[in-house]
Amino acid sequence: MRLILAEDSTLLREGLVRLLAEEGHEIVAAVGDAAALLAAVAAAPEPPDVVIVDVRMPPTHTDEGLRAALEIRRGHPGVGVLVLSQYVEKRYATELITADTTGVGYLLKDRVAQVDEFLDALERIGAGGAAFDPEVVRQLLVRSSHADPLSRLTPRERDVLGHMAEGRTNAAVADQLHISQSAVEKHVNAIFDKLDLSHTTGYSRRVLAVLRYLGS
């Protein structure tokens, strides 16, 4: 894939450049702030397949990276976005996942050290899928049970929905939970029934289920 990387830590940035280049990806640009990221995307002969961007970058180290990522998505909807963060930024993660779930990912930087998982997430995003760090999903989905519309779900159904929220396909969920794909499909249909999404048309029920999960 053709990638643009924005990370203000020189050590991490150069490490990612080397790792991704060794995996056969083309690094179009590697920059240290959001303004340079936007300039690199604008200067590229054609949009990259994916941009990898830190949430917090100079000059204020608040949300420059995320705002740049959302701006890139508005101008180039086909560009995948993988956001990296040191901590779970709940507001930013929710904003990203609710803006669009096609070709989007949010990983904690610790996940980069787990190279296979990081590369798998990148491949999913490049293919138009989604990839959300399990810890991000866990923190977003912790809610009080008395106001939780998901309280009707069984523990297994919540497990399935949690993996769906990470961007996994039914086959990948089956592999993670060590159950058959047909069992996953039954759980997914039960989730749709219990969240009153069985008869929804015109929208992805899978996306709506995840959004219902995030908003519970």
Foldseek 3Di string as FASTA:
>chain_A
DEEEEEAQPPVVQVVVVVVVVVVVYHHQYYYHFLVVVLVSQVPDPHGGLEYEWEQAGPDVGHGSGLVSVVVCCVVPVRHAYEYEYQDQPLVSVLVQLVVDFWLYEYYYPVCVVVVVLVVVQNVQSSVGFYAYYLVNLVVLQDDDPVPQLCVPADPVLVLLLSVLLRGDDLVVSCVVVVHDSVVSVVSVCVLCVSVVNNPDPPDPSSSVSSNSSSVD
